[in-house]
Amino acid sequence: MRNNLITFRKQQGYTQDEFANILNVSSSYYQKIENGTRNPSYNFIKNFKEAFKSADVDMIFFNQ
């Protein structure tokens, strides 16, 4: 998941801080998800789906 999320964010042209802002989470929480020290919450994934409707959520979060 970690690499898929990083790749997706970079493809969209966002910094970690910008991406966290779009997803309505703190920058530190988002960084922990990217670093693999925290798992994304239900609300995080829900906000992600709403913000990026065309993204393949299963591929980003559930495909190793």
PDB file of N, CA and C in Angstrom:
ATOM      1  N   MET A   1       0.829  -1.195   0.000  1.00  0.00           N
ATOM      2  CA  MET A   1       0.000   0.000   0.000  1.00  0.00           C
ATOM      3  C   MET A   1       0.868   1.250   0.000  1.00  0.00           C
ATOM      4  N   ARG A   2       1.894   1.236   0.801  1.00  0.00           N
ATOM      5  CA  ARG A   2       2.720   2.432   0.994  1.00  0.00           C
ATOM      6  C   ARG A   2       3.213   2.992  -0.334  1.00  0.00           C
ATOM      7  N   ASN A   3       3.833   2.145  -1.146  1.00  0.00           N
ATOM      8  CA  ASN A   3       4.376   2.609  -2.417  1.00  0.00           C
ATOM      9  C   ASN A   3       3.285   3.064  -3.369  1.00  0.00           C
ATOM     10  N   ASN A   4       2.156   2.383  -3.350  1.00  0.00           N
ATOM     11  CA  ASN A   4       1.053   2.762  -4.231  1.00  0.00           C
ATOM     12  C   ASN A   4       0.516   4.142  -3.866  1.00  0.00           C
ATOM     13  N   LEU A   5       0.420   4.429  -2.584  1.00  0.00           N
ATOM     14  CA  LEU A   5      -0.081   5.728  -2.133  1.00  0.00           C
ATOM     15  C   LEU A   5       0.906   6.835  -2.480  1.00  0.00           C
ATOM     16  N   ILE A   6       2.186   6.584  -2.259  1.00  0.00           N
ATOM     17  CA  ILE A   6       3.211   7.569  -2.587  1.00  0.00           C
ATOM     18  C   ILE A   6       3.209   7.847  -4.088  1.00  0.00           C
ATOM     19  N   THR A   7       3.164   6.788  -4.876  1.00  0.00           N
ATOM     20  CA  THR A   7       3.144   6.940  -6.330  1.00  0.00           C
ATOM     21  C   THR A   7       1.928   7.732  -6.774  1.00  0.00           C
ATOM     22  N   PHE A   8       0.764   7.412  -6.230  1.00  0.00           N
ATOM     23  CA  PHE A   8      -0.456   8.119  -6.602  1.00  0.00           C
ATOM     24  C   PHE A   8      -0.343   9.602  -6.258  1.00  0.00           C
ATOM     25  N   ARG A   9       0.113   9.900  -5.046  1.00  0.00           N
ATOM     26  CA  ARG A   9       0.234  11.299  -4.627  1.00  0.00           C
ATOM     27  C   ARG A   9       1.163  12.066  -5.549  1.00  0.00           C
ATOM     28  N   LYS A  10       2.291  11.472  -5.865  1.00  0.00           N
ATOM     29  CA  LYS A  10       3.261  12.139  -6.731  1.00  0.00           C
ATOM     30  C   LYS A  10       2.724  12.309  -8.147  1.00  0.00           C
ATOM     31  N   GLN A  11       1.969  11.332  -8.640  1.00  0.00           N
ATOM     32  CA  GLN A  11       1.361  11.454  -9.964  1.00  0.00           C
ATOM     33  C   GLN A  11       0.375  12.616 -10.016  1.00  0.00           C
ATOM     34  N   GLN A  12      -0.266  12.868  -8.898  1.00  0.00           N
ATOM     35  CA  GLN A  12      -1.222  13.970  -8.827  1.00  0.00           C
ATOM     36  C   GLN A  12      -0.513  15.315  -8.654  1.00  0.00           C
ATOM     37  N   GLY A  13       0.770  15.282  -8.322  1.00  0.00           N
ATOM     38  CA  GLY A  13       1.563  16.498  -8.191  1.00  0.00           C
ATOM     39  C   GLY A  13       1.435  17.205  -6.854  1.00  0.00           C
ATOM     40  N   TYR A  14       1.121  16.449  -5.788  1.00  0.00           N
ATOM     41  CA  TYR A  14       0.936  17.042  -4.465  1.00  0.00           C
ATOM     42  C   TYR A  14       2.097  16.712  -3.529  1.00  0.00           C
ATOM     43  N   THR A  15       2.373  17.629  -2.633  1.00  0.00           N
ATOM     44  CA  THR A  15       3.279  17.347  -1.524  1.00  0.00           C
ATOM     45  C   THR A  15       2.499  16.566  -0.473  1.00  0.00           C
ATOM     46  N   GLN A  16       3.198  16.047   0.517  1.00  0.00           N
ATOM     47  CA  GLN A  16       2.506  15.353   1.607  1.00  0.00           C
ATOM     48  C   GLN A  16       1.558  16.303   2.333  1.00  0.00           C
ATOM     49  N   ASP A  17       1.994  17.518   2.580  1.00  0.00           N
ATOM     50  CA  ASP A  17       1.150  18.493   3.289  1.00  0.00           C
ATOM     51  C   ASP A  17      -0.101  18.834   2.493  1.00  0.00           C
ATOM     52  N   GLU A  18       0.047  19.031   1.195  1.00  0.00           N
ATOM     53  CA  GLU A  18      -1.106  19.347   0.351  1.00  0.00           C
ATOM     54  C   GLU A  18      -2.085  18.182   0.317  1.00  0.00           C
ATOM     55  N   PHE A  19      -1.554  16.980   0.205  1.00  0.00           N
ATOM     56  CA  PHE A  19      -2.397  15.796   0.150  1.00  0.00           C
ATOM     57  C   PHE A  19      -3.154  15.607   1.459  1.00  0.00           C
ATOM     58  N   ALA A  20      -2.456  15.808   2.572  1.00  0.00           N
ATOM     59  CA  ALA A  20      -3.097  15.701   3.885  1.00  0.00           C
ATOM     60  C   ALA A  20      -4.230  16.706   4.000  1.00  0.00           C
ATOM     61  N   ASN A  21      -4.002  17.915   3.518  1.00  0.00           N
ATOM     62  CA  ASN A  21      -5.026  18.955   3.562  1.00  0.00           C
ATOM     63  C   ASN A  21      -6.257  18.554   2.745  1.00  0.00           C
ATOM     64  N   ILE A  22      -6.043  18.012   1.570  1.00  0.00           N
ATOM     65  CA  ILE A  22      -7.150  17.565   0.720  1.00  0.00           C
ATOM     66  C   ILE A  22      -7.963  16.485   1.426  1.00  0.00           C
ATOM     67  N   LEU A  23      -7.272  15.612   2.147  1.00  0.00           N
ATOM     68  CA  LEU A  23      -7.937  14.494   2.820  1.00  0.00           C
ATOM     69  C   LEU A  23      -8.430  14.847   4.219  1.00  0.00           C
ATOM     70  N   ASN A  24      -8.212  16.098   4.612  1.00  0.00           N
ATOM     71  CA  ASN A  24      -8.698  16.592   5.891  1.00  0.00           C
ATOM     72  C   ASN A  24      -8.112  15.826   7.080  1.00  0.00           C
ATOM     73  N   VAL A  25      -6.797  15.571   6.996  1.00  0.00           N
ATOM     74  CA  VAL A  25      -6.078  14.946   8.101  1.00  0.00           C
ATOM     75  C   VAL A  25      -4.824  15.763   8.381  1.00  0.00           C
ATOM     76  N   SER A  26      -4.219  15.534   9.523  1.00  0.00           N
ATOM     77  CA  SER A  26      -2.993  16.257   9.840  1.00  0.00           C
ATOM     78  C   SER A  26      -1.847  15.722   8.977  1.00  0.00           C
ATOM     79  N   SER A  27      -0.867  16.565   8.770  1.00  0.00           N
ATOM     80  CA  SER A  27       0.304  16.163   7.988  1.00  0.00           C
ATOM     81  C   SER A  27       1.030  15.007   8.663  1.00  0.00           C
ATOM     82  N   SER A  28       1.129  15.049   9.997  1.00  0.00           N
ATOM     83  CA  SER A  28       1.844  13.976  10.703  1.00  0.00           C
ATOM     84  C   SER A  28       1.110  12.640  10.565  1.00  0.00           C
ATOM     85  N   TYR A  29      -0.216  12.652  10.617  1.00  0.00           N
ATOM     86  CA  TYR A  29      -0.989  11.418  10.442  1.00  0.00           C
ATOM     87  C   TYR A  29      -0.778  10.872   9.031  1.00  0.00           C
ATOM     88  N   TYR A  30      -0.838  11.756   8.040  1.00  0.00           N
ATOM     89  CA  TYR A  30      -0.651  11.315   6.665  1.00  0.00           C
ATOM     90  C   TYR A  30       0.756  10.731   6.476  1.00  0.00           C
ATOM     91  N   GLN A  31       1.762  11.376   7.031  1.00  0.00           N
ATOM     92  CA  GLN A  31       3.134  10.889   6.904  1.00  0.00           C
ATOM     93  C   GLN A  31       3.284   9.505   7.522  1.00  0.00           C
ATOM     94  N   LYS A  32       2.606   9.266   8.629  1.00  0.00           N
ATOM     95  CA  LYS A  32       2.659   7.949   9.273  1.00  0.00           C
ATOM     96  C   LYS A  32       2.029   6.883   8.380  1.00  0.00           C
ATOM     97  N   ILE A  33       0.971   7.235   7.680  1.00  0.00           N
ATOM     98  CA  ILE A  33       0.346   6.283   6.757  1.00  0.00           C
ATOM     99  C   ILE A  33       1.307   5.980   5.614  1.00  0.00           C
ATOM    100  N   GLU A  34       1.890   7.017   5.051  1.00  0.00           N
ATOM    101  CA  GLU A  34       2.854   6.806   3.959  1.00  0.00           C
ATOM    102  C   GLU A  34       4.061   6.009   4.417  1.00  0.00           C
ATOM    103  N   ASN A  35       4.524   6.234   5.624  1.00  0.00           N
ATOM    104  CA  ASN A  35       5.696   5.529   6.147  1.00  0.00           C
ATOM    105  C   ASN A  35       5.379   4.117   6.614  1.00  0.00           C
ATOM    106  N   GLY A  36       4.106   3.785   6.702  1.00  0.00           N
ATOM    107  CA  GLY A  36       3.706   2.446   7.103  1.00  0.00           C
ATOM    108  C   GLY A  36       3.644   2.227   8.596  1.00  0.00           C
ATOM    109  N   THR A  37       3.703   3.313   9.379  1.00  0.00           N
ATOM    110  CA  THR A  37       3.624   3.153  10.829  1.00  0.00           C
ATOM    111  C   THR A  37       2.197   3.245  11.348  1.00  0.00           C
ATOM    112  N   ARG A  38       1.283   3.674  10.507  1.00  0.00           N
ATOM    113  CA  ARG A  38      -0.157   3.711  10.842  1.00  0.00           C
ATOM    114  C   ARG A  38      -0.933   3.166   9.659  1.00  0.00           C
ATOM    115  N   ASN A  39      -2.035   2.515   9.958  1.00  0.00           N
ATOM    116  CA  ASN A  39      -2.950   2.093   8.909  1.00  0.00           C
ATOM    117  C   ASN A  39      -3.988   3.187   8.694  1.00  0.00           C
ATOM    118  N   PRO A  40      -4.453   3.352   7.470  1.00  0.00           N
ATOM    119  CA  PRO A  40      -5.471   4.374   7.225  1.00  0.00           C
ATOM    120  C   PRO A  40      -6.786   3.991   7.892  1.00  0.00           C
ATOM    121  N   SER A  41      -7.445   4.977   8.443  1.00  0.00           N
ATOM    122  CA  SER A  41      -8.748   4.748   9.076  1.00  0.00           C
ATOM    123  C   SER A  41      -9.833   4.663   8.006  1.00  0.00           C
ATOM    124  N   TYR A  42     -10.987   4.229   8.438  1.00  0.00           N
ATOM    125  CA  TYR A  42     -12.150   4.189   7.545  1.00  0.00           C
ATOM    126  C   TYR A  42     -12.421   5.587   6.983  1.00  0.00           C
ATOM    127  N   ASN A  43     -12.399   6.598   7.848  1.00  0.00           N
ATOM    128  CA  ASN A  43     -12.667   7.966   7.394  1.00  0.00           C
ATOM    129  C   ASN A  43     -11.611   8.458   6.413  1.00  0.00           C
ATOM    130  N   PHE A  44     -10.381   8.065   6.615  1.00  0.00           N
ATOM    131  CA  PHE A  44      -9.311   8.443   5.689  1.00  0.00           C
ATOM    132  C   PHE A  44      -9.616   7.899   4.295  1.00  0.00           C
ATOM    133  N   ILE A  45      -9.935   6.618   4.228  1.00  0.00           N
ATOM    134  CA  ILE A  45     -10.226   5.994   2.932  1.00  0.00           C
ATOM    135  C   ILE A  45     -11.495   6.586   2.327  1.00  0.00           C
ATOM    136  N   LYS A  46     -12.481   6.859   3.149  1.00  0.00           N
ATOM    137  CA  LYS A  46     -13.719   7.489   2.666  1.00  0.00           C
ATOM    138  C   LYS A  46     -13.419   8.864   2.068  1.00  0.00           C
ATOM    139  N   ASN A  47     -12.636   9.673   2.763  1.00  0.00           N
ATOM    140  CA  ASN A  47     -12.262  10.996   2.247  1.00  0.00           C
ATOM    141  C   ASN A  47     -11.448  10.871   0.963  1.00  0.00           C
ATOM    142  N   PHE A  48     -10.588   9.872   0.912  1.00  0.00           N
ATOM    143  CA  PHE A  48      -9.792   9.636  -0.288  1.00  0.00           C
ATOM    144  C   PHE A  48     -10.705   9.327  -1.473  1.00  0.00           C
ATOM    145  N   LYS A  49     -11.668   8.445  -1.262  1.00  0.00           N
ATOM    146  CA  LYS A  49     -12.603   8.074  -2.338  1.00  0.00           C
ATOM    147  C   LYS A  49     -13.408   9.278  -2.821  1.00  0.00           C
ATOM    148  N   GLU A  50     -13.792  10.146  -1.905  1.00  0.00           N
ATOM    149  CA  GLU A  50     -14.562  11.331  -2.280  1.00  0.00           C
ATOM    150  C   GLU A  50     -13.701  12.340  -3.044  1.00  0.00           C
ATOM    151  N   ALA A  51     -12.451  12.480  -2.642  1.00  0.00           N
ATOM    152  CA  ALA A  51     -11.568  13.462  -3.268  1.00  0.00           C
ATOM    153  C   ALA A  51     -11.045  12.986  -4.625  1.00  0.00           C
ATOM    154  N   PHE A  52     -10.849  11.689  -4.758  1.00  0.00           N
ATOM    155  CA  PHE A  52     -10.263  11.132  -5.980  1.00  0.00           C
ATOM    156  C   PHE A  52     -11.160  10.029  -6.513  1.00  0.00           C
ATOM    157  N   LYS A  53     -12.283  10.425  -7.046  1.00  0.00           N
ATOM    158  CA  LYS A  53     -13.314   9.490  -7.490  1.00  0.00           C
ATOM    159  C   LYS A  53     -12.820   8.484  -8.529  1.00  0.00           C
ATOM    160  N   SER A  54     -11.886   8.880  -9.361  1.00  0.00           N
ATOM    161  CA  SER A  54     -11.431   7.987 -10.420  1.00  0.00           C
ATOM    162  C   SER A  54     -10.307   7.046  -9.973  1.00  0.00           C
ATOM    163  N   ALA A  55      -9.825   7.202  -8.757  1.00  0.00           N
ATOM    164  CA  ALA A  55      -8.721   6.375  -8.266  1.00  0.00           C
ATOM    165  C   ALA A  55      -9.192   4.960  -7.946  1.00  0.00           C
ATOM    166  N   ASP A  56      -8.324   3.994  -8.171  1.00  0.00           N
ATOM    167  CA  ASP A  56      -8.599   2.602  -7.840  1.00  0.00           C
ATOM    168  C   ASP A  56      -8.190   2.367  -6.377  1.00  0.00           C
ATOM    169  N   VAL A  57      -9.145   2.560  -5.485  1.00  0.00           N
ATOM    170  CA  VAL A  57      -8.890   2.476  -4.044  1.00  0.00           C
ATOM    171  C   VAL A  57      -8.375   1.095  -3.648  1.00  0.00           C
ATOM    172  N   ASP A  58      -8.936   0.055  -4.235  1.00  0.00           N
ATOM    173  CA  ASP A  58      -8.483  -1.299  -3.906  1.00  0.00           C
ATOM    174  C   ASP A  58      -7.008  -1.476  -4.247  1.00  0.00           C
ATOM    175  N   MET A  59      -6.596  -0.971  -5.388  1.00  0.00           N
ATOM    176  CA  MET A  59      -5.203  -1.106  -5.807  1.00  0.00           C
ATOM    177  C   MET A  59      -4.277  -0.315  -4.884  1.00  0.00           C
ATOM    178  N   ILE A  60      -4.692   0.853  -4.469  1.00  0.00           N
ATOM    179  CA  ILE A  60      -3.845   1.713  -3.641  1.00  0.00           C
ATOM    180  C   ILE A  60      -3.731   1.207  -2.205  1.00  0.00           C
ATOM    181  N   PHE A  61      -4.844   0.791  -1.617  1.00  0.00           N
ATOM    182  CA  PHE A  61      -4.836   0.458  -0.195  1.00  0.00           C
ATOM    183  C   PHE A  61      -4.813  -1.025   0.145  1.00  0.00           C
ATOM    184  N   PHE A  62      -5.247  -1.865  -0.770  1.00  0.00           N
ATOM    185  CA  PHE A  62      -5.400  -3.272  -0.411  1.00  0.00           C
ATOM    186  C   PHE A  62      -4.567  -4.232  -1.247  1.00  0.00           C
ATOM    187  N   ASN A  63      -3.810  -3.714  -2.187  1.00  0.00           N
ATOM    188  CA  ASN A  63      -2.969  -4.560  -3.024  1.00  0.00           C
ATOM    189  C   ASN A  63      -1.526  -4.392  -2.593  1.00  0.00           C
ATOM    190  N   GLN A  64      -0.921  -5.455  -2.179  1.00  0.00           N
ATOM    191  CA  GLN A  64       0.477  -5.403  -1.750  1.00  0.00           C
ATOM    192  C   GLN A  64       1.305  -5.412  -2.978  1.00  0.00           C
TER     193      GLN A  64
END
